[in-house]
Amino acid sequence: MSYLIKDTTREEREQIVKESLGNIEANCDGCMAGLAEMYEDYIDGKKELREINMEFNARYVKGEDMEGRGTSCVM
């Protein structure tokens, strides 16, 4: 099954996110609501899952962590 926007409907994308995150209605610690919001652009067909995950992960990479990794990536 493809998770790409072009291959899914909005309803299917919403279900994919819901199943991936688990019970997003139980916001007992407050973080699940933020995760659900993070994927709204995917559900709305604006960004692919890969883009959202890359943006999220990029926040945790520091300049000194990149030493020796090469700089060929344009992202």
N, C-alpha and C. Protein backbone atom coordinates (compact mmCIF):
# COMPACT_ATOMS: atom_id res chain seq x y z
N MET A 1 0.84 -1.18 0.00
CA MET A 1 0.00 0.00 0.00
C MET A 1 0.89 1.25 0.00
N SER A 2 0.53 2.19 -0.82
CA SER A 2 1.26 3.45 -0.91
C SER A 2 0.66 4.46 0.06
N TYR A 3 1.53 5.24 0.70
CA TYR A 3 1.09 6.28 1.62
C TYR A 3 1.23 7.66 1.01
N LEU A 4 1.60 7.73 -0.26
CA LEU A 4 1.78 9.00 -0.94
C LEU A 4 0.44 9.72 -1.09
N ILE A 5 0.50 11.03 -1.06
CA ILE A 5 -0.71 11.84 -1.20
C ILE A 5 -1.44 11.52 -2.49
N LYS A 6 -0.69 11.37 -3.57
CA LYS A 6 -1.33 11.11 -4.88
C LYS A 6 -2.07 9.78 -4.92
N ASP A 7 -1.73 8.87 -4.01
CA ASP A 7 -2.34 7.54 -4.02
C ASP A 7 -3.39 7.34 -2.93
N THR A 8 -3.68 8.38 -2.17
CA THR A 8 -4.63 8.25 -1.05
C THR A 8 -5.63 9.39 -1.05
N THR A 9 -6.77 9.11 -0.44
CA THR A 9 -7.77 10.16 -0.24
C THR A 9 -7.51 10.81 1.12
N ARG A 10 -8.15 11.93 1.35
CA ARG A 10 -8.00 12.60 2.64
C ARG A 10 -8.41 11.68 3.77
N GLU A 11 -9.50 10.97 3.59
CA GLU A 11 -9.99 10.05 4.61
C GLU A 11 -8.99 8.94 4.89
N GLU A 12 -8.37 8.42 3.84
CA GLU A 12 -7.35 7.37 4.02
C GLU A 12 -6.14 7.91 4.76
N ARG A 13 -5.72 9.13 4.43
CA ARG A 13 -4.57 9.73 5.12
C ARG A 13 -4.89 9.97 6.59
N GLU A 14 -6.10 10.40 6.86
CA GLU A 14 -6.52 10.61 8.25
C GLU A 14 -6.48 9.29 9.02
N GLN A 15 -6.92 8.22 8.39
CA GLN A 15 -6.90 6.90 9.02
C GLN A 15 -5.47 6.40 9.22
N ILE A 16 -4.61 6.65 8.26
CA ILE A 16 -3.20 6.24 8.37
C ILE A 16 -2.57 6.91 9.58
N VAL A 17 -2.78 8.20 9.74
CA VAL A 17 -2.21 8.93 10.88
C VAL A 17 -2.82 8.43 12.18
N LYS A 18 -4.12 8.26 12.19
CA LYS A 18 -4.80 7.79 13.40
C LYS A 18 -4.26 6.43 13.84
N GLU A 19 -4.12 5.51 12.91
CA GLU A 19 -3.62 4.18 13.24
C GLU A 19 -2.15 4.21 13.65
N SER A 20 -1.38 5.08 13.02
CA SER A 20 0.04 5.18 13.33
C SER A 20 0.31 5.74 14.72
N LEU A 21 -0.49 6.72 15.12
CA LEU A 21 -0.29 7.37 16.41
C LEU A 21 -1.00 6.65 17.55
N GLY A 22 -1.91 5.77 17.23
CA GLY A 22 -2.67 5.10 18.28
C GLY A 22 -3.86 5.95 18.67
N ASN A 23 -4.21 5.92 19.92
CA ASN A 23 -5.38 6.63 20.42
C ASN A 23 -5.06 8.11 20.61
N ILE A 24 -5.28 8.92 19.57
CA ILE A 24 -4.95 10.34 19.66
C ILE A 24 -6.01 11.12 20.42
N GLU A 25 -7.10 10.49 20.75
CA GLU A 25 -8.14 11.17 21.52
C GLU A 25 -7.77 11.25 23.00
N ALA A 26 -6.94 10.34 23.47
CA ALA A 26 -6.55 10.30 24.88
C ALA A 26 -5.31 11.15 25.08
N ASN A 27 -5.50 12.43 25.23
CA ASN A 27 -4.40 13.38 25.35
C ASN A 27 -3.96 13.55 26.80
N CYS A 28 -3.77 12.45 27.50
CA CYS A 28 -3.48 12.51 28.93
C CYS A 28 -2.20 13.26 29.26
N ASP A 29 -1.19 13.17 28.44
CA ASP A 29 0.04 13.89 28.76
C ASP A 29 0.25 15.12 27.89
N GLY A 30 -0.68 15.42 27.04
CA GLY A 30 -0.62 16.63 26.24
C GLY A 30 0.21 16.53 24.97
N CYS A 31 1.00 15.49 24.80
CA CYS A 31 1.87 15.43 23.62
C CYS A 31 1.16 14.85 22.40
N MET A 32 0.18 14.02 22.59
CA MET A 32 -0.48 13.39 21.44
C MET A 32 -1.19 14.42 20.58
N ALA A 33 -1.75 15.45 21.19
CA ALA A 33 -2.41 16.49 20.40
C ALA A 33 -1.41 17.17 19.49
N GLY A 34 -0.20 17.43 19.99
CA GLY A 34 0.84 18.04 19.18
C GLY A 34 1.27 17.16 18.03
N LEU A 35 1.36 15.87 18.28
CA LEU A 35 1.73 14.93 17.21
C LEU A 35 0.65 14.89 16.14
N ALA A 36 -0.59 14.87 16.56
CA ALA A 36 -1.69 14.84 15.60
C ALA A 36 -1.67 16.11 14.74
N GLU A 37 -1.42 17.25 15.35
CA GLU A 37 -1.35 18.51 14.62
C GLU A 37 -0.19 18.52 13.64
N MET A 38 0.91 17.89 14.03
CA MET A 38 2.10 17.85 13.19
C MET A 38 1.79 17.21 11.83
N TYR A 39 0.86 16.29 11.78
CA TYR A 39 0.55 15.56 10.55
C TYR A 39 -0.65 16.14 9.79
N GLU A 40 -1.16 17.29 10.20
CA GLU A 40 -2.29 17.91 9.51
C GLU A 40 -1.96 18.23 8.05
N ASP A 41 -0.73 18.68 7.78
CA ASP A 41 -0.36 18.99 6.40
C ASP A 41 -0.39 17.75 5.51
N TYR A 42 -0.08 16.60 6.08
CA TYR A 42 -0.19 15.35 5.31
C TYR A 42 -1.65 15.02 5.06
N ILE A 43 -2.45 15.09 6.10
CA ILE A 43 -3.87 14.79 5.96
C ILE A 43 -4.51 15.72 4.93
N ASP A 44 -4.12 17.00 4.96
CA ASP A 44 -4.68 17.99 4.03
C ASP A 44 -4.07 17.91 2.63
N GLY A 45 -3.08 17.03 2.43
CA GLY A 45 -2.49 16.86 1.12
C GLY A 45 -1.46 17.91 0.75
N LYS A 46 -0.88 18.57 1.75
CA LYS A 46 0.11 19.63 1.51
C LYS A 46 1.55 19.14 1.55
N LYS A 47 1.83 18.15 2.41
CA LYS A 47 3.19 17.62 2.56
C LYS A 47 3.13 16.11 2.72
N GLU A 48 4.14 15.44 2.16
CA GLU A 48 4.24 13.99 2.32
C GLU A 48 4.73 13.66 3.73
N LEU A 49 4.45 12.45 4.18
CA LEU A 49 4.91 12.00 5.49
C LEU A 49 6.42 12.16 5.63
N ARG A 50 7.12 11.81 4.59
CA ARG A 50 8.59 11.88 4.61
C ARG A 50 9.06 13.31 4.89
N GLU A 51 8.43 14.29 4.27
CA GLU A 51 8.80 15.69 4.48
C GLU A 51 8.58 16.11 5.93
N ILE A 52 7.44 15.75 6.47
CA ILE A 52 7.11 16.11 7.85
C ILE A 52 8.09 15.47 8.81
N ASN A 53 8.37 14.20 8.62
CA ASN A 53 9.30 13.50 9.50
C ASN A 53 10.72 14.06 9.39
N MET A 54 11.13 14.43 8.19
CA MET A 54 12.46 15.01 8.01
C MET A 54 12.55 16.36 8.72
N GLU A 55 11.52 17.18 8.61
CA GLU A 55 11.50 18.48 9.29
C GLU A 55 11.56 18.30 10.80
N PHE A 56 10.82 17.34 11.30
CA PHE A 56 10.81 17.07 12.73
C PHE A 56 12.19 16.63 13.20
N ASN A 57 12.79 15.69 12.49
CA ASN A 57 14.11 15.18 12.87
C ASN A 57 15.20 16.23 12.73
N ALA A 58 15.06 17.15 11.79
CA ALA A 58 16.07 18.18 11.58
C ALA A 58 16.23 19.08 12.79
N ARG A 59 15.22 19.21 13.60
CA ARG A 59 15.30 20.04 14.80
C ARG A 59 16.28 19.48 15.82
N TYR A 60 16.60 18.22 15.71
CA TYR A 60 17.46 17.57 16.70
C TYR A 60 18.89 17.37 16.23
N VAL A 61 19.19 17.86 15.03
CA VAL A 61 20.54 17.73 14.51
C VAL A 61 21.25 19.06 14.72
N LYS A 62 22.36 19.02 15.43
CA LYS A 62 23.13 20.23 15.70
C LYS A 62 24.30 20.29 14.74
N GLY A 63 24.85 21.46 14.55
CA GLY A 63 25.99 21.65 13.64
C GLY A 63 27.15 20.73 13.97
N GLU A 64 27.49 20.60 15.26
CA GLU A 64 28.61 19.75 15.62
C GLU A 64 28.30 18.27 15.40
N ASP A 65 27.03 17.90 15.34
CA ASP A 65 26.65 16.52 15.07
C ASP A 65 26.88 16.17 13.61
N MET A 66 26.98 17.16 12.76
CA MET A 66 27.10 16.95 11.33
C MET A 66 28.55 16.77 10.88
N GLU A 67 29.48 16.99 11.77
CA GLU A 67 30.90 16.89 11.43
C GLU A 67 31.20 15.52 10.81
N GLY A 68 31.83 15.54 9.66
CA GLY A 68 32.23 14.29 9.01
C GLY A 68 31.13 13.60 8.23
N ARG A 69 29.98 14.20 8.11
CA ARG A 69 28.86 13.57 7.41
C ARG A 69 28.73 14.02 5.97
N GLY A 70 29.56 14.91 5.49
CA GLY A 70 29.42 15.40 4.12
C GLY A 70 28.33 16.44 4.04
N THR A 71 28.37 17.24 2.99
CA THR A 71 27.41 18.33 2.87
C THR A 71 26.71 18.32 1.52
N SER A 72 26.49 17.17 0.95
CA SER A 72 25.89 17.11 -0.38
C SER A 72 24.38 17.26 -0.36
N CYS A 73 23.76 17.14 0.78
CA CYS A 73 22.30 17.24 0.87
C CYS A 73 21.89 18.70 0.79
N VAL A 74 20.93 18.99 -0.06
CA VAL A 74 20.46 20.37 -0.23
C VAL A 74 19.35 20.73 0.75
N MET A 75 18.90 19.82 1.55
CA MET A 75 17.82 20.07 2.50
C MET A 75 18.29 20.82 3.68
